[in-house]
Amino acid sequence: MEAIAGQETLSRAFPAGSAQPVVIISRTSAAEAVRAAASAIPGNPRVTIGERTPEYTRADVVLRAEPGSEASFAAIRQLREAVHAVAGASAVWWPSAPQDPALRTTGAPGHEGRSSRAGDRPARSGSG
């Protein structure tokens, strides 16, 4: 019973997606615009700018929806649409192939987990 009570306490304190943030890597020159676009989607996700290099910046997006739920798939679709609209972002994603088949391709076939803008680099998944 203590474990259940502990889990309920954690669930109240942190958004459902805290354990599985969506990671976006974009051009550093567009990082603030990516953060603003991601923050503006319905559901008010928490977007945190992380590591930066002169060329690329990481943003972690914590969705409020339960991971793997229809609500989270809808939020990820909205997130991708919003970020893809940012000119020059060249965004790539992790996870690169969500479980929802509707999210597996966002550009041309074979370009799973990436933006359809020219000059994008393929998304990488895995550990490390």
C-alpha atoms as a PDB file:
ATOM      1  CA  MET A   1       0.000   0.000   0.000  1.00  0.00           C
ATOM      2  CA  GLU A   2       2.888   2.400   0.667  1.00  0.00           C
ATOM      3  CA  ALA A   3       4.096   2.013  -2.925  1.00  0.00           C
ATOM      4  CA  ILE A   4       0.662   2.906  -4.265  1.00  0.00           C
ATOM      5  CA  ALA A   5       0.459   5.960  -2.009  1.00  0.00           C
ATOM      6  CA  GLY A   6       3.944   7.005  -3.105  1.00  0.00           C
ATOM      7  CA  GLN A   7       3.046   6.660  -6.791  1.00  0.00           C
ATOM      8  CA  GLU A   8      -0.116   8.700  -6.283  1.00  0.00           C
ATOM      9  CA  THR A   9       1.910  11.440  -4.577  1.00  0.00           C
ATOM     10  CA  LEU A  10       4.410  11.512  -7.442  1.00  0.00           C
ATOM     11  CA  SER A  11       1.582  11.595  -9.991  1.00  0.00           C
ATOM     12  CA  ARG A  12       0.121  14.681  -8.329  1.00  0.00           C
ATOM     13  CA  ALA A  13       3.496  16.417  -8.139  1.00  0.00           C
ATOM     14  CA  PHE A  14       4.817  15.818 -11.667  1.00  0.00           C
ATOM     15  CA  PRO A  15       3.249  15.854 -15.149  1.00  0.00           C
ATOM     16  CA  ALA A  16       2.499  12.408 -16.612  1.00  0.00           C
ATOM     17  CA  GLY A  17       5.202  12.751 -19.272  1.00  0.00           C
ATOM     18  CA  SER A  18       8.032  13.615 -16.856  1.00  0.00           C
ATOM     19  CA  ALA A  19       9.605  10.177 -17.161  1.00  0.00           C
ATOM     20  CA  GLN A  20       9.463  10.219 -20.982  1.00  0.00           C
ATOM     21  CA  PRO A  21      10.111  13.688 -22.376  1.00  0.00           C
ATOM     22  CA  VAL A  22      10.106  14.311 -26.099  1.00  0.00           C
ATOM     23  CA  VAL A  23      13.582  15.459 -27.122  1.00  0.00           C
ATOM     24  CA  ILE A  24      13.930  17.968 -29.952  1.00  0.00           C
ATOM     25  CA  ILE A  25      17.287  18.857 -31.457  1.00  0.00           C
ATOM     26  CA  SER A  26      17.172  22.016 -33.553  1.00  0.00           C
ATOM     27  CA  ARG A  27      19.503  24.605 -34.958  1.00  0.00           C
ATOM     28  CA  THR A  28      20.704  26.891 -32.171  1.00  0.00           C
ATOM     29  CA  SER A  29      19.703  29.936 -34.201  1.00  0.00           C
ATOM     30  CA  ALA A  30      16.065  28.757 -34.019  1.00  0.00           C
ATOM     31  CA  ALA A  31      16.086  27.292 -30.483  1.00  0.00           C
ATOM     32  CA  GLU A  32      14.056  30.055 -28.811  1.00  0.00           C
ATOM     33  CA  ALA A  33      11.483  29.993 -31.611  1.00  0.00           C
ATOM     34  CA  VAL A  34      11.261  26.195 -31.253  1.00  0.00           C
ATOM     35  CA  ARG A  35      10.785  26.574 -27.484  1.00  0.00           C
ATOM     36  CA  ALA A  36       8.038  29.154 -27.996  1.00  0.00           C
ATOM     37  CA  ALA A  37       6.263  27.056 -30.648  1.00  0.00           C
ATOM     38  CA  ALA A  38       6.423  23.913 -28.518  1.00  0.00           C
ATOM     39  CA  SER A  39       5.195  25.786 -25.431  1.00  0.00           C
ATOM     40  CA  ALA A  40       2.198  27.162 -27.322  1.00  0.00           C
ATOM     41  CA  ILE A  41       0.537  23.848 -28.201  1.00  0.00           C
ATOM     42  CA  PRO A  42      -2.645  22.854 -26.330  1.00  0.00           C
ATOM     43  CA  GLY A  43      -1.972  21.124 -23.033  1.00  0.00           C
ATOM     44  CA  ASN A  44       0.695  23.592 -21.923  1.00  0.00           C
ATOM     45  CA  PRO A  45       3.763  21.314 -22.047  1.00  0.00           C
ATOM     46  CA  ARG A  46       6.877  22.205 -20.079  1.00  0.00           C
ATOM     47  CA  VAL A  47       9.726  22.971 -22.503  1.00  0.00           C
ATOM     48  CA  THR A  48      13.264  23.212 -21.191  1.00  0.00           C
ATOM     49  CA  ILE A  49      16.233  24.301 -23.275  1.00  0.00           C
ATOM     50  CA  GLY A  50      19.173  22.055 -22.498  1.00  0.00           C
ATOM     51  CA  GLU A  51      22.592  21.501 -23.965  1.00  0.00           C
ATOM     52  CA  ARG A  52      23.778  23.874 -26.687  1.00  0.00           C
ATOM     53  CA  THR A  53      26.552  23.881 -29.215  1.00  0.00           C
ATOM     54  CA  PRO A  54      27.158  26.688 -31.683  1.00  0.00           C
ATOM     55  CA  GLU A  55      25.153  24.676 -34.227  1.00  0.00           C
ATOM     56  CA  TYR A  56      22.525  22.631 -32.330  1.00  0.00           C
ATOM     57  CA  THR A  57      20.385  22.909 -29.197  1.00  0.00           C
ATOM     58  CA  ARG A  58      18.420  20.295 -27.267  1.00  0.00           C
ATOM     59  CA  ALA A  59      14.945  20.968 -25.893  1.00  0.00           C
ATOM     60  CA  ASP A  60      13.113  18.555 -23.578  1.00  0.00           C
ATOM     61  CA  VAL A  61       9.330  18.678 -23.832  1.00  0.00           C
ATOM     62  CA  VAL A  62       7.307  17.211 -20.971  1.00  0.00           C
ATOM     63  CA  LEU A  63       3.747  16.519 -22.014  1.00  0.00           C
ATOM     64  CA  ARG A  64       0.941  16.510 -19.466  1.00  0.00           C
ATOM     65  CA  ALA A  65      -0.714  13.501 -21.119  1.00  0.00           C
ATOM     66  CA  GLU A  66       0.044   9.951 -20.030  1.00  0.00           C
ATOM     67  CA  PRO A  67       2.763   8.455 -22.313  1.00  0.00           C
ATOM     68  CA  GLY A  68       1.303   6.070 -24.885  1.00  0.00           C
ATOM     69  CA  SER A  69      -2.209   7.486 -24.561  1.00  0.00           C
ATOM     70  CA  GLU A  70      -4.302   8.906 -27.388  1.00  0.00           C
ATOM     71  CA  ALA A  71      -3.910  12.315 -25.743  1.00  0.00           C
ATOM     72  CA  SER A  72      -0.111  12.035 -25.857  1.00  0.00           C
ATOM     73  CA  PHE A  73      -0.176  10.986 -29.530  1.00  0.00           C
ATOM     74  CA  ALA A  74      -2.379  13.998 -30.319  1.00  0.00           C
ATOM     75  CA  ALA A  75      -0.018  16.278 -28.376  1.00  0.00           C
ATOM     76  CA  ILE A  76       3.007  14.922 -30.263  1.00  0.00           C
ATOM     77  CA  ARG A  77       1.257  15.531 -33.603  1.00  0.00           C
ATOM     78  CA  GLN A  78       0.507  19.116 -32.522  1.00  0.00           C
ATOM     79  CA  LEU A  79       4.061  19.541 -31.265  1.00  0.00           C
ATOM     80  CA  ARG A  80       5.560  18.376 -34.552  1.00  0.00           C
ATOM     81  CA  GLU A  81       3.284  20.628 -36.595  1.00  0.00           C
ATOM     82  CA  ALA A  82       4.181  23.625 -34.444  1.00  0.00           C
ATOM     83  CA  VAL A  83       7.935  23.010 -34.531  1.00  0.00           C
ATOM     84  CA  HIS A  84       7.992  22.184 -38.245  1.00  0.00           C
ATOM     85  CA  ALA A  85       6.511  25.634 -38.867  1.00  0.00           C
ATOM     86  CA  VAL A  86       9.632  27.254 -37.365  1.00  0.00           C
ATOM     87  CA  ALA A  87      11.771  28.423 -40.274  1.00  0.00           C
ATOM     88  CA  GLY A  88      15.349  27.175 -40.175  1.00  0.00           C
ATOM     89  CA  ALA A  89      14.837  24.866 -37.172  1.00  0.00           C
ATOM     90  CA  SER A  90      15.850  21.641 -38.964  1.00  0.00           C
ATOM     91  CA  ALA A  91      14.372  19.771 -36.000  1.00  0.00           C
ATOM     92  CA  VAL A  92      14.897  16.073 -35.314  1.00  0.00           C
ATOM     93  CA  TRP A  93      13.098  14.045 -32.650  1.00  0.00           C
ATOM     94  CA  TRP A  94      13.496  11.364 -30.056  1.00  0.00           C
ATOM     95  CA  PRO A  95      11.793   8.999 -29.730  1.00  0.00           C
ATOM     96  CA  SER A  96      12.130   8.735 -33.492  1.00  0.00           C
ATOM     97  CA  ALA A  97       9.342   6.190 -34.059  1.00  0.00           C
ATOM     98  CA  PRO A  98       6.504   6.533 -31.549  1.00  0.00           C
ATOM     99  CA  GLN A  99       4.158   3.588 -31.107  1.00  0.00           C
ATOM    100  CA  ASP A 100       1.295   5.397 -32.844  1.00  0.00           C
ATOM    101  CA  PRO A 101       1.606   4.580 -36.599  1.00  0.00           C
ATOM    102  CA  ALA A 102       0.242   8.032 -37.460  1.00  0.00           C
ATOM    103  CA  LEU A 103       3.368   9.560 -35.899  1.00  0.00           C
ATOM    104  CA  ARG A 104       5.987   7.359 -37.515  1.00  0.00           C
ATOM    105  CA  THR A 105       6.448   9.504 -40.607  1.00  0.00           C
ATOM    106  CA  THR A 106       6.364  13.263 -40.679  1.00  0.00           C
ATOM    107  CA  GLY A 107       7.987  13.843 -44.038  1.00  0.00           C
ATOM    108  CA  ALA A 108       8.741  11.707 -47.050  1.00  0.00           C
ATOM    109  CA  PRO A 109       8.705   7.919 -46.655  1.00  0.00           C
ATOM    110  CA  GLY A 110      11.902   6.735 -45.041  1.00  0.00           C
ATOM    111  CA  HIS A 111      12.330   9.939 -43.056  1.00  0.00           C
ATOM    112  CA  GLU A 112      10.769   8.746 -39.801  1.00  0.00           C
ATOM    113  CA  GLY A 113      11.182  10.986 -36.804  1.00  0.00           C
ATOM    114  CA  ARG A 114      12.359  14.021 -38.679  1.00  0.00           C
ATOM    115  CA  SER A 115      11.148  17.199 -40.189  1.00  0.00           C
ATOM    116  CA  SER A 116      10.465  17.332 -43.892  1.00  0.00           C
ATOM    117  CA  ARG A 117      12.506  20.513 -44.361  1.00  0.00           C
ATOM    118  CA  ALA A 118      15.520  20.416 -46.656  1.00  0.00           C
ATOM    119  CA  GLY A 119      18.855  20.089 -44.932  1.00  0.00           C
ATOM    120  CA  ASP A 120      17.560  18.016 -42.029  1.00  0.00           C
ATOM    121  CA  ARG A 121      19.636  15.233 -40.574  1.00  0.00           C
ATOM    122  CA  PRO A 122      18.014  11.898 -39.732  1.00  0.00           C
ATOM    123  CA  ALA A 123      16.894  11.316 -36.182  1.00  0.00           C
ATOM    124  CA  ARG A 124      18.884   8.842 -34.138  1.00  0.00           C
ATOM    125  CA  SER A 125      17.475   6.648 -31.466  1.00  0.00           C
ATOM    126  CA  GLY A 126      18.999   4.308 -28.955  1.00  0.00           C
ATOM    127  CA  SER A 127      21.031   4.664 -25.834  1.00  0.00           C
ATOM    128  CA  GLY A 128      23.818   7.136 -25.265  1.00  0.00           C
END
